[in-house]
Amino acid sequence: MADTTGTATPDLAVENGEDGVRRRDFINIAAVGAAGVGGVFVVIPLISQMAPSQDVLAESSTEVDISAIEPGQAIKAIFRKQPLFVRRLTDAEMGEANSVATGSLRDAESLDDRTKEGHRDILVTMGVCTHLGCVPLGAADGENKGEYGGYFCPCHGSHYDTAGRIRKGPAPTNLLVPDYEFSSDTVIQVG
């Protein structure tokens, strides 16, 4: 209240904000701070539940032991729920693949583009035809390897050579080479 001289009393001066923070300002700051802390406790579980689960993380990479693969043989493995072909090429298969002019191929890649330095005899490809996603034959003994000695897709007749390159049929591109590294001379880490 104002006294008779027209000056404000000390209680009124604090209420009008003349001497520092008002009680209402403190309550507003406290409420915003509490809402911020509460928001963090809501957002963290929301974000963490969007992270991949442990089984998905486990499938994001695959180790393949290639020590038992003899030259000319291939094995099938699974990578991200899809077939993975690992083939150890013979000298004749590598020579045949290298003798093809890359300019004559639909999807021009050399064997060196599709293999790793120091391990040119190991070809790692996804076992999925690039036409409509069928699984080509040729990785197991006795299977039809197609006209070029690599892989043959029985669904629509795509023929791949020993380097997994499309040579005949409706497939638009070569068999996909996934990201992989040699963790040792006999183990490949895919993914």
N, C-alpha and C. Protein backbone atom coordinates (compact mmCIF):
# COMPACT_ATOMS: atom_id res chain seq x y z
N MET A 1 0.83 -1.18 0.00
CA MET A 1 0.00 0.00 0.00
C MET A 1 0.88 1.24 0.00
N ALA A 2 0.32 2.29 -0.47
CA ALA A 2 1.05 3.57 -0.50
C ALA A 2 0.74 4.35 0.76
N ASP A 3 1.78 4.98 1.31
CA ASP A 3 1.52 5.83 2.46
C ASP A 3 1.07 7.21 1.99
N THR A 4 0.87 8.10 2.88
CA THR A 4 0.33 9.42 2.54
C THR A 4 1.30 10.28 1.78
N THR A 5 2.60 9.90 1.80
CA THR A 5 3.57 10.72 1.08
C THR A 5 3.69 10.28 -0.38
N GLY A 6 3.07 9.16 -0.76
CA GLY A 6 3.08 8.71 -2.14
C GLY A 6 4.21 7.73 -2.45
N THR A 7 4.99 7.31 -1.46
CA THR A 7 6.04 6.32 -1.72
C THR A 7 5.49 4.95 -1.39
N ALA A 8 6.03 3.95 -2.07
CA ALA A 8 5.54 2.59 -1.87
C ALA A 8 6.15 2.00 -0.62
N THR A 9 5.39 1.13 0.03
CA THR A 9 5.91 0.43 1.19
C THR A 9 6.85 -0.67 0.71
N PRO A 10 7.73 -1.21 1.56
CA PRO A 10 8.70 -2.22 1.13
C PRO A 10 8.02 -3.47 0.56
N ASP A 11 6.91 -3.95 1.13
CA ASP A 11 6.22 -5.13 0.61
C ASP A 11 5.70 -4.88 -0.79
N LEU A 12 5.18 -3.72 -1.03
CA LEU A 12 4.63 -3.36 -2.33
C LEU A 12 5.73 -3.22 -3.36
N ALA A 13 6.89 -2.74 -2.96
CA ALA A 13 8.01 -2.58 -3.89
C ALA A 13 8.47 -3.94 -4.40
N VAL A 14 8.54 -4.96 -3.55
CA VAL A 14 8.93 -6.30 -3.97
C VAL A 14 7.89 -6.88 -4.90
N GLU A 15 6.62 -6.68 -4.60
CA GLU A 15 5.55 -7.19 -5.45
C GLU A 15 5.58 -6.55 -6.83
N ASN A 16 5.94 -5.33 -6.93
CA ASN A 16 5.97 -4.64 -8.22
C ASN A 16 7.26 -4.89 -9.00
N GLY A 17 8.20 -5.69 -8.44
CA GLY A 17 9.42 -6.05 -9.15
C GLY A 17 10.49 -5.01 -9.08
N GLU A 18 10.39 -4.09 -8.17
CA GLU A 18 11.38 -3.04 -8.10
C GLU A 18 12.67 -3.50 -7.41
N ASP A 19 12.60 -4.53 -6.54
CA ASP A 19 13.75 -4.95 -5.77
C ASP A 19 14.15 -6.41 -6.08
N GLY A 20 14.21 -6.88 -7.32
CA GLY A 20 14.67 -8.24 -7.62
C GLY A 20 13.58 -9.13 -8.18
N VAL A 21 13.75 -10.43 -7.97
CA VAL A 21 12.86 -11.44 -8.55
C VAL A 21 11.57 -11.52 -7.75
N ARG A 22 10.50 -11.52 -8.48
CA ARG A 22 9.20 -11.64 -7.82
C ARG A 22 8.90 -13.10 -7.55
N ARG A 23 8.01 -13.37 -6.67
CA ARG A 23 7.60 -14.72 -6.33
C ARG A 23 7.02 -15.42 -7.57
N ARG A 24 6.27 -14.73 -8.38
CA ARG A 24 5.66 -15.29 -9.57
C ARG A 24 6.74 -15.72 -10.57
N ASP A 25 7.82 -14.94 -10.72
CA ASP A 25 8.92 -15.30 -11.62
C ASP A 25 9.60 -16.59 -11.15
N PHE A 26 9.79 -16.70 -9.85
CA PHE A 26 10.42 -17.91 -9.32
C PHE A 26 9.54 -19.12 -9.60
N ILE A 27 8.25 -19.01 -9.42
CA ILE A 27 7.33 -20.13 -9.67
C ILE A 27 7.36 -20.49 -11.17
N ASN A 28 7.40 -19.50 -12.05
CA ASN A 28 7.47 -19.77 -13.49
C ASN A 28 8.77 -20.50 -13.85
N ILE A 29 9.89 -20.06 -13.31
CA ILE A 29 11.17 -20.70 -13.59
C ILE A 29 11.18 -22.13 -13.06
N ALA A 30 10.66 -22.33 -11.87
CA ALA A 30 10.60 -23.68 -11.29
C ALA A 30 9.70 -24.59 -12.12
N ALA A 31 8.58 -24.08 -12.60
CA ALA A 31 7.66 -24.90 -13.40
C ALA A 31 8.29 -25.28 -14.74
N VAL A 32 8.96 -24.33 -15.40
CA VAL A 32 9.62 -24.62 -16.68
C VAL A 32 10.75 -25.63 -16.47
N GLY A 33 11.51 -25.48 -15.41
CA GLY A 33 12.58 -26.43 -15.10
C GLY A 33 12.03 -27.83 -14.85
N ALA A 34 10.95 -27.93 -14.09
CA ALA A 34 10.34 -29.24 -13.82
C ALA A 34 9.81 -29.86 -15.11
N ALA A 35 9.21 -29.05 -15.97
CA ALA A 35 8.70 -29.56 -17.25
C ALA A 35 9.85 -30.05 -18.13
N GLY A 36 10.98 -29.34 -18.10
CA GLY A 36 12.14 -29.76 -18.88
C GLY A 36 12.68 -31.09 -18.42
N VAL A 37 12.81 -31.26 -17.10
CA VAL A 37 13.29 -32.52 -16.54
C VAL A 37 12.29 -33.64 -16.87
N GLY A 38 11.03 -33.37 -16.74
CA GLY A 38 10.01 -34.37 -17.08
C GLY A 38 10.06 -34.73 -18.55
N GLY A 39 10.30 -33.73 -19.40
CA GLY A 39 10.40 -33.98 -20.84
C GLY A 39 11.57 -34.89 -21.17
N VAL A 40 12.68 -34.71 -20.48
CA VAL A 40 13.84 -35.57 -20.70
C VAL A 40 13.50 -37.01 -20.33
N PHE A 41 12.79 -37.20 -19.21
CA PHE A 41 12.42 -38.54 -18.79
C PHE A 41 11.43 -39.19 -19.73
N VAL A 42 10.71 -38.41 -20.51
CA VAL A 42 9.79 -38.97 -21.51
C VAL A 42 10.52 -39.24 -22.82
N VAL A 43 11.40 -38.34 -23.24
CA VAL A 43 12.06 -38.45 -24.54
C VAL A 43 13.11 -39.56 -24.57
N ILE A 44 13.87 -39.75 -23.50
CA ILE A 44 14.92 -40.76 -23.50
C ILE A 44 14.37 -42.16 -23.76
N PRO A 45 13.33 -42.62 -23.07
CA PRO A 45 12.79 -43.95 -23.40
C PRO A 45 12.21 -44.02 -24.82
N LEU A 46 11.64 -42.92 -25.28
CA LEU A 46 11.11 -42.92 -26.64
C LEU A 46 12.21 -43.12 -27.66
N ILE A 47 13.31 -42.44 -27.51
CA ILE A 47 14.42 -42.56 -28.44
C ILE A 47 15.09 -43.92 -28.31
N SER A 48 15.30 -44.39 -27.09
CA SER A 48 15.98 -45.67 -26.91
C SER A 48 15.16 -46.84 -27.43
N GLN A 49 13.86 -46.74 -27.43
CA GLN A 49 13.06 -47.85 -27.96
C GLN A 49 13.13 -47.93 -29.47
N MET A 50 13.63 -46.87 -30.14
CA MET A 50 13.80 -46.90 -31.59
C MET A 50 15.11 -47.54 -32.01
N ALA A 51 16.01 -47.82 -31.08
CA ALA A 51 17.29 -48.45 -31.39
C ALA A 51 17.05 -49.91 -31.78
N PRO A 52 17.92 -50.48 -32.63
CA PRO A 52 17.74 -51.88 -33.02
C PRO A 52 17.91 -52.82 -31.83
N SER A 53 17.17 -53.90 -31.86
CA SER A 53 17.25 -54.87 -30.77
C SER A 53 18.53 -55.69 -30.91
N GLN A 54 18.84 -56.48 -29.89
CA GLN A 54 20.08 -57.26 -29.87
C GLN A 54 20.11 -58.29 -31.00
N ASP A 55 18.96 -58.92 -31.31
CA ASP A 55 18.97 -59.91 -32.38
C ASP A 55 19.20 -59.27 -33.75
N VAL A 56 18.73 -58.05 -33.93
CA VAL A 56 18.98 -57.34 -35.19
C VAL A 56 20.46 -56.96 -35.28
N LEU A 57 21.03 -56.48 -34.19
CA LEU A 57 22.45 -56.15 -34.18
C LEU A 57 23.31 -57.38 -34.44
N ALA A 58 22.90 -58.52 -33.93
CA ALA A 58 23.66 -59.75 -34.14
C ALA A 58 23.66 -60.15 -35.60
N GLU A 59 22.58 -59.87 -36.32
CA GLU A 59 22.49 -60.22 -37.74
C GLU A 59 23.13 -59.18 -38.65
N SER A 60 23.59 -58.07 -38.11
CA SER A 60 24.13 -57.02 -38.95
C SER A 60 25.51 -57.38 -39.50
N SER A 61 26.15 -58.38 -38.93
CA SER A 61 27.42 -58.86 -39.47
C SER A 61 27.49 -60.37 -39.29
N THR A 62 28.28 -60.98 -40.16
CA THR A 62 28.42 -62.43 -40.15
C THR A 62 29.88 -62.78 -40.35
N GLU A 63 30.36 -63.75 -39.61
CA GLU A 63 31.70 -64.28 -39.82
C GLU A 63 31.60 -65.58 -40.59
N VAL A 64 32.44 -65.73 -41.62
CA VAL A 64 32.44 -66.94 -42.42
C VAL A 64 33.86 -67.50 -42.44
N ASP A 65 34.00 -68.77 -42.05
CA ASP A 65 35.29 -69.45 -42.09
C ASP A 65 35.45 -70.06 -43.48
N ILE A 66 36.48 -69.65 -44.19
CA ILE A 66 36.68 -70.11 -45.56
C ILE A 66 37.81 -71.13 -45.67
N SER A 67 38.33 -71.60 -44.54
CA SER A 67 39.49 -72.49 -44.56
C SER A 67 39.20 -73.82 -45.24
N ALA A 68 37.97 -74.30 -45.22
CA ALA A 68 37.63 -75.61 -45.78
C ALA A 68 37.24 -75.55 -47.26
N ILE A 69 37.15 -74.36 -47.83
CA ILE A 69 36.74 -74.25 -49.23
C ILE A 69 37.93 -74.55 -50.14
N GLU A 70 37.77 -75.56 -50.97
CA GLU A 70 38.81 -75.94 -51.93
C GLU A 70 38.63 -75.11 -53.21
N PRO A 71 39.69 -74.94 -54.00
CA PRO A 71 39.55 -74.23 -55.28
C PRO A 71 38.46 -74.87 -56.15
N GLY A 72 37.59 -74.04 -56.68
CA GLY A 72 36.46 -74.51 -57.49
C GLY A 72 35.20 -74.77 -56.70
N GLN A 73 35.28 -74.71 -55.37
CA GLN A 73 34.11 -74.94 -54.53
C GLN A 73 33.51 -73.62 -54.06
N ALA A 74 32.24 -73.69 -53.66
CA ALA A 74 31.54 -72.54 -53.09
C ALA A 74 30.74 -73.02 -51.89
N ILE A 75 30.48 -72.11 -50.98
CA ILE A 75 29.61 -72.41 -49.84
C ILE A 75 28.52 -71.36 -49.79
N LYS A 76 27.44 -71.74 -49.12
CA LYS A 76 26.34 -70.80 -48.87
C LYS A 76 26.33 -70.47 -47.39
N ALA A 77 26.13 -69.22 -47.08
CA ALA A 77 25.97 -68.77 -45.70
C ALA A 77 24.75 -67.86 -45.67
N ILE A 78 24.42 -67.35 -44.52
CA ILE A 78 23.29 -66.44 -44.39
C ILE A 78 23.80 -65.11 -43.86
N PHE A 79 23.38 -64.04 -44.52
CA PHE A 79 23.73 -62.68 -44.10
C PHE A 79 22.48 -61.83 -44.21
N ARG A 80 22.03 -61.30 -43.06
CA ARG A 80 20.81 -60.50 -42.99
C ARG A 80 19.62 -61.22 -43.62
N LYS A 81 19.51 -62.49 -43.28
CA LYS A 81 18.40 -63.36 -43.70
C LYS A 81 18.36 -63.58 -45.21
N GLN A 82 19.49 -63.40 -45.87
CA GLN A 82 19.59 -63.67 -47.30
C GLN A 82 20.80 -64.57 -47.54
N PRO A 83 20.75 -65.35 -48.64
CA PRO A 83 21.88 -66.23 -48.92
C PRO A 83 23.13 -65.44 -49.33
N LEU A 84 24.27 -65.94 -48.91
CA LEU A 84 25.56 -65.36 -49.22
C LEU A 84 26.40 -66.47 -49.86
N PHE A 85 26.97 -66.20 -51.03
CA PHE A 85 27.82 -67.18 -51.72
C PHE A 85 29.28 -66.78 -51.54
N VAL A 86 30.10 -67.74 -51.13
CA VAL A 86 31.54 -67.53 -51.03
C VAL A 86 32.19 -68.62 -51.88
N ARG A 87 32.92 -68.20 -52.91
CA ARG A 87 33.53 -69.14 -53.85
C ARG A 87 35.04 -68.92 -53.89
N ARG A 88 35.78 -70.05 -53.87
CA ARG A 88 37.24 -69.99 -54.07
C ARG A 88 37.46 -70.35 -55.54
N LEU A 89 37.94 -69.39 -56.30
CA LEU A 89 38.11 -69.57 -57.73
C LEU A 89 39.39 -70.34 -58.04
N THR A 90 39.34 -71.14 -59.09
CA THR A 90 40.54 -71.81 -59.58
C THR A 90 41.31 -70.83 -60.46
N ASP A 91 42.54 -71.19 -60.78
CA ASP A 91 43.33 -70.35 -61.68
C ASP A 91 42.64 -70.23 -63.04
N ALA A 92 42.03 -71.32 -63.51
CA ALA A 92 41.35 -71.31 -64.80
C ALA A 92 40.14 -70.37 -64.75
N GLU A 93 39.37 -70.41 -63.65
CA GLU A 93 38.21 -69.52 -63.52
C GLU A 93 38.63 -68.06 -63.46
N MET A 94 39.73 -67.77 -62.75
CA MET A 94 40.21 -66.39 -62.69
C MET A 94 40.70 -65.94 -64.06
N GLY A 95 41.40 -66.83 -64.78
CA GLY A 95 41.88 -66.50 -66.12
C GLY A 95 40.73 -66.24 -67.07
N GLU A 96 39.68 -67.08 -66.97
CA GLU A 96 38.50 -66.89 -67.82
C GLU A 96 37.82 -65.57 -67.51
N ALA A 97 37.67 -65.23 -66.24
CA ALA A 97 37.02 -63.98 -65.85
C ALA A 97 37.85 -62.78 -66.29
N ASN A 98 39.16 -62.88 -66.18
CA ASN A 98 40.02 -61.76 -66.57
C ASN A 98 40.14 -61.60 -68.08
N SER A 99 39.83 -62.66 -68.83
CA SER A 99 39.95 -62.58 -70.29
C SER A 99 38.78 -61.85 -70.94
N VAL A 100 37.70 -61.63 -70.21
CA VAL A 100 36.52 -60.95 -70.75
C VAL A 100 36.74 -59.44 -70.71
N ALA A 101 36.54 -58.79 -71.84
CA ALA A 101 36.66 -57.32 -71.89
C ALA A 101 35.50 -56.72 -71.11
N THR A 102 35.81 -55.88 -70.12
CA THR A 102 34.74 -55.32 -69.28
C THR A 102 33.79 -54.43 -70.08
N GLY A 103 34.27 -53.87 -71.20
CA GLY A 103 33.41 -53.04 -72.03
C GLY A 103 32.29 -53.83 -72.70
N SER A 104 32.45 -55.15 -72.79
CA SER A 104 31.42 -55.98 -73.42
C SER A 104 30.36 -56.43 -72.42
N LEU A 105 30.54 -56.12 -71.15
CA LEU A 105 29.61 -56.56 -70.11
C LEU A 105 28.50 -55.54 -69.89
N ARG A 106 27.34 -56.03 -69.54
CA ARG A 106 26.19 -55.17 -69.22
C ARG A 106 26.48 -54.29 -68.02
N ASP A 107 27.07 -54.87 -66.99
CA ASP A 107 27.45 -54.15 -65.77
C ASP A 107 28.97 -54.32 -65.65
N ALA A 108 29.70 -53.37 -66.20
CA ALA A 108 31.15 -53.50 -66.39
C ALA A 108 31.92 -53.45 -65.08
N GLU A 109 32.39 -54.63 -64.64
CA GLU A 109 33.27 -54.75 -63.48
C GLU A 109 34.27 -55.85 -63.77
N SER A 110 35.51 -55.62 -63.39
CA SER A 110 36.52 -56.67 -63.53
C SER A 110 36.49 -57.56 -62.29
N LEU A 111 37.19 -58.68 -62.39
CA LEU A 111 37.30 -59.56 -61.22
C LEU A 111 38.01 -58.84 -60.09
N ASP A 112 39.00 -58.01 -60.41
CA ASP A 112 39.72 -57.26 -59.39
C ASP A 112 38.80 -56.28 -58.66
N ASP A 113 37.79 -55.74 -59.37
CA ASP A 113 36.83 -54.83 -58.74
C ASP A 113 35.94 -55.56 -57.73
N ARG A 114 35.79 -56.86 -57.90
CA ARG A 114 34.84 -57.63 -57.12
C ARG A 114 35.50 -58.46 -56.01
N THR A 115 36.83 -58.44 -55.94
CA THR A 115 37.54 -59.20 -54.91
C THR A 115 38.49 -58.28 -54.16
N LYS A 116 39.09 -58.79 -53.10
CA LYS A 116 40.01 -58.01 -52.26
C LYS A 116 41.46 -58.30 -52.64
N GLU A 117 42.28 -57.29 -52.55
CA GLU A 117 43.72 -57.41 -52.81
C GLU A 117 44.31 -58.46 -51.87
N GLY A 118 45.12 -59.36 -52.45
CA GLY A 118 45.73 -60.43 -51.66
C GLY A 118 44.85 -61.66 -51.55
N HIS A 119 43.60 -61.53 -51.93
CA HIS A 119 42.66 -62.66 -51.86
C HIS A 119 41.82 -62.68 -53.15
N ARG A 120 42.50 -62.57 -54.30
CA ARG A 120 41.80 -62.50 -55.59
C ARG A 120 41.05 -63.79 -55.92
N ASP A 121 41.37 -64.87 -55.23
CA ASP A 121 40.71 -66.14 -55.51
C ASP A 121 39.41 -66.32 -54.71
N ILE A 122 39.09 -65.40 -53.83
CA ILE A 122 37.87 -65.50 -53.02
C ILE A 122 36.84 -64.49 -53.52
N LEU A 123 35.72 -65.00 -53.99
CA LEU A 123 34.62 -64.15 -54.46
C LEU A 123 33.46 -64.25 -53.48
N VAL A 124 33.03 -63.12 -52.94
CA VAL A 124 31.92 -63.07 -51.99
C VAL A 124 30.80 -62.27 -52.63
N THR A 125 29.63 -62.90 -52.81
CA THR A 125 28.47 -62.22 -53.40
C THR A 125 27.22 -62.59 -52.63
N MET A 126 26.23 -61.74 -52.74
CA MET A 126 24.91 -62.07 -52.21
C MET A 126 24.31 -63.10 -53.15
N GLY A 127 23.62 -64.08 -52.63
CA GLY A 127 23.01 -65.13 -53.44
C GLY A 127 21.60 -64.78 -53.84
N VAL A 128 21.43 -63.57 -54.38
CA VAL A 128 20.10 -63.09 -54.77
C VAL A 128 20.20 -62.54 -56.18
N CYS A 129 19.42 -63.09 -57.10
CA CYS A 129 19.41 -62.61 -58.48
C CYS A 129 18.94 -61.16 -58.50
N THR A 130 19.60 -60.35 -59.30
CA THR A 130 19.28 -58.93 -59.34
C THR A 130 18.07 -58.64 -60.22
N HIS A 131 17.46 -59.68 -60.79
CA HIS A 131 16.25 -59.46 -61.60
C HIS A 131 15.04 -59.34 -60.69
N LEU A 132 14.66 -60.45 -60.07
CA LEU A 132 13.48 -60.42 -59.19
C LEU A 132 13.71 -61.08 -57.84
N GLY A 133 14.97 -61.31 -57.48
CA GLY A 133 15.26 -61.77 -56.13
C GLY A 133 15.25 -63.26 -55.90
N CYS A 134 15.27 -64.08 -56.94
CA CYS A 134 15.36 -65.53 -56.76
C CYS A 134 16.78 -65.89 -56.31
N VAL A 135 16.95 -67.11 -55.84
CA VAL A 135 18.27 -67.59 -55.43
C VAL A 135 18.86 -68.39 -56.59
N PRO A 136 19.97 -67.92 -57.15
CA PRO A 136 20.59 -68.65 -58.26
C PRO A 136 21.19 -69.98 -57.83
N LEU A 137 21.33 -70.88 -58.79
CA LEU A 137 21.99 -72.15 -58.57
C LEU A 137 23.46 -72.00 -58.92
N GLY A 138 24.27 -72.93 -58.43
CA GLY A 138 25.68 -72.95 -58.79
C GLY A 138 26.62 -72.93 -57.61
N ALA A 139 26.11 -72.73 -56.42
CA ALA A 139 26.97 -72.71 -55.25
C ALA A 139 27.22 -74.11 -54.69
N ALA A 140 26.31 -75.02 -54.92
CA ALA A 140 26.46 -76.38 -54.41
C ALA A 140 26.95 -77.31 -55.52
N ASP A 141 27.59 -78.39 -55.14
CA ASP A 141 28.07 -79.37 -56.12
C ASP A 141 26.89 -79.95 -56.89
N GLY A 142 27.07 -80.07 -58.20
CA GLY A 142 26.05 -80.68 -59.05
C GLY A 142 24.96 -79.74 -59.51
N GLU A 143 24.95 -78.52 -59.02
CA GLU A 143 23.92 -77.57 -59.47
C GLU A 143 24.29 -76.99 -60.82
N ASN A 144 23.28 -76.58 -61.57
CA ASN A 144 23.47 -75.94 -62.87
C ASN A 144 24.19 -74.61 -62.67
N LYS A 145 25.34 -74.44 -63.30
CA LYS A 145 26.12 -73.22 -63.16
C LYS A 145 25.92 -72.27 -64.33
N GLY A 146 25.03 -72.61 -65.24
CA GLY A 146 24.75 -71.74 -66.37
C GLY A 146 25.79 -71.86 -67.47
N GLU A 147 25.62 -71.11 -68.53
CA GLU A 147 26.48 -71.18 -69.71
C GLU A 147 27.88 -70.65 -69.46
N TYR A 148 28.09 -69.88 -68.40
CA TYR A 148 29.38 -69.24 -68.16
C TYR A 148 30.09 -69.78 -66.93
N GLY A 149 29.60 -70.88 -66.37
CA GLY A 149 30.28 -71.56 -65.28
C GLY A 149 30.18 -70.91 -63.92
N GLY A 150 29.32 -69.94 -63.76
CA GLY A 150 29.19 -69.26 -62.48
C GLY A 150 27.92 -69.64 -61.76
N TYR A 151 26.87 -68.88 -62.01
CA TYR A 151 25.58 -69.11 -61.37
C TYR A 151 24.48 -69.02 -62.42
N PHE A 152 23.38 -69.75 -62.16
CA PHE A 152 22.24 -69.73 -63.07
C PHE A 152 20.97 -69.52 -62.25
N CYS A 153 20.17 -68.53 -62.63
CA CYS A 153 18.91 -68.29 -61.93
C CYS A 153 17.80 -69.04 -62.66
N PRO A 154 17.19 -70.04 -62.02
CA PRO A 154 16.19 -70.85 -62.70
C PRO A 154 14.84 -70.14 -62.88
N CYS A 155 14.61 -69.04 -62.21
CA CYS A 155 13.32 -68.36 -62.31
C CYS A 155 13.08 -67.76 -63.69
N HIS A 156 14.09 -67.02 -64.20
CA HIS A 156 13.90 -66.35 -65.48
C HIS A 156 15.10 -66.49 -66.41
N GLY A 157 16.07 -67.33 -66.05
CA GLY A 157 17.15 -67.67 -66.95
C GLY A 157 18.33 -66.73 -67.00
N SER A 158 18.66 -66.06 -65.93
CA SER A 158 19.85 -65.21 -65.92
C SER A 158 21.09 -66.08 -65.70
N HIS A 159 22.14 -65.81 -66.50
CA HIS A 159 23.39 -66.54 -66.41
C HIS A 159 24.48 -65.58 -65.92
N TYR A 160 25.22 -66.00 -64.89
CA TYR A 160 26.32 -65.22 -64.33
C TYR A 160 27.62 -65.99 -64.56
N ASP A 161 28.72 -65.28 -64.77
CA ASP A 161 29.99 -65.95 -64.97
C ASP A 161 30.66 -66.27 -63.63
N THR A 162 31.90 -66.75 -63.69
CA THR A 162 32.60 -67.17 -62.46
C THR A 162 32.88 -66.01 -61.53
N ALA A 163 32.81 -64.77 -62.02
CA ALA A 163 33.01 -63.58 -61.18
C ALA A 163 31.68 -63.01 -60.70
N GLY A 164 30.56 -63.73 -60.94
CA GLY A 164 29.25 -63.26 -60.50
C GLY A 164 28.71 -62.11 -61.33
N ARG A 165 29.21 -61.96 -62.56
CA ARG A 165 28.78 -60.86 -63.44
C ARG A 165 27.70 -61.36 -64.38
N ILE A 166 26.69 -60.55 -64.62
CA ILE A 166 25.59 -60.93 -65.51
C ILE A 166 26.11 -61.02 -66.93
N ARG A 167 25.79 -62.13 -67.59
CA ARG A 167 26.25 -62.31 -68.96
C ARG A 167 25.09 -62.54 -69.92
N LYS A 168 23.98 -63.10 -69.41
CA LYS A 168 22.84 -63.41 -70.29
C LYS A 168 21.59 -63.47 -69.43
N GLY A 169 20.47 -63.01 -69.97
CA GLY A 169 19.21 -63.07 -69.25
C GLY A 169 18.73 -61.70 -68.81
N PRO A 170 17.62 -61.65 -68.09
CA PRO A 170 16.98 -60.37 -67.76
C PRO A 170 17.59 -59.60 -66.58
N ALA A 171 18.49 -60.19 -65.82
CA ALA A 171 19.05 -59.49 -64.66
C ALA A 171 19.79 -58.24 -65.13
N PRO A 172 19.53 -57.09 -64.50
CA PRO A 172 20.14 -55.83 -64.96
C PRO A 172 21.57 -55.62 -64.49
N THR A 173 21.95 -56.20 -63.33
CA THR A 173 23.27 -55.95 -62.77
C THR A 173 23.91 -57.24 -62.26
N ASN A 174 25.18 -57.15 -61.94
CA ASN A 174 25.93 -58.28 -61.38
C ASN A 174 25.39 -58.64 -60.00
N LEU A 175 25.73 -59.86 -59.55
CA LEU A 175 25.40 -60.21 -58.16
C LEU A 175 26.10 -59.23 -57.24
N LEU A 176 25.41 -58.78 -56.24
CA LEU A 176 25.91 -57.76 -55.32
C LEU A 176 27.06 -58.30 -54.47
N VAL A 177 28.13 -57.53 -54.38
CA VAL A 177 29.24 -57.85 -53.48
C VAL A 177 29.02 -57.02 -52.22
N PRO A 178 28.75 -57.68 -51.08
CA PRO A 178 28.52 -56.92 -49.84
C PRO A 178 29.83 -56.37 -49.29
N ASP A 179 29.74 -55.46 -48.34
CA ASP A 179 30.92 -54.98 -47.64
C ASP A 179 31.48 -56.11 -46.79
N TYR A 180 32.75 -56.40 -46.96
CA TYR A 180 33.37 -57.45 -46.16
C TYR A 180 34.86 -57.18 -46.03
N GLU A 181 35.46 -57.75 -45.01
CA GLU A 181 36.89 -57.64 -44.75
C GLU A 181 37.39 -58.99 -44.29
N PHE A 182 38.65 -59.23 -44.53
CA PHE A 182 39.30 -60.43 -44.01
C PHE A 182 39.81 -60.13 -42.61
N SER A 183 39.24 -60.78 -41.59
CA SER A 183 39.72 -60.60 -40.23
C SER A 183 40.95 -61.46 -39.98
N SER A 184 41.12 -62.50 -40.79
CA SER A 184 42.35 -63.32 -40.81
C SER A 184 42.42 -63.92 -42.21
N ASP A 185 43.41 -64.75 -42.46
CA ASP A 185 43.51 -65.37 -43.79
C ASP A 185 42.40 -66.37 -44.04
N THR A 186 41.73 -66.83 -43.00
CA THR A 186 40.71 -67.85 -43.17
C THR A 186 39.31 -67.43 -42.72
N VAL A 187 39.15 -66.20 -42.25
CA VAL A 187 37.85 -65.74 -41.75
C VAL A 187 37.48 -64.42 -42.40
N ILE A 188 36.25 -64.35 -42.89
CA ILE A 188 35.72 -63.14 -43.49
C ILE A 188 34.66 -62.55 -42.57
N GLN A 189 34.73 -61.26 -42.35
CA GLN A 189 33.71 -60.53 -41.58
C GLN A 189 32.85 -59.78 -42.59
N VAL A 190 31.60 -60.19 -42.76
CA VAL A 190 30.69 -59.58 -43.73
C VAL A 190 29.78 -58.62 -42.98
N GLY A 191 29.69 -57.40 -43.46
CA GLY A 191 28.81 -56.40 -42.86
C GLY A 191 29.53 -55.43 -41.97
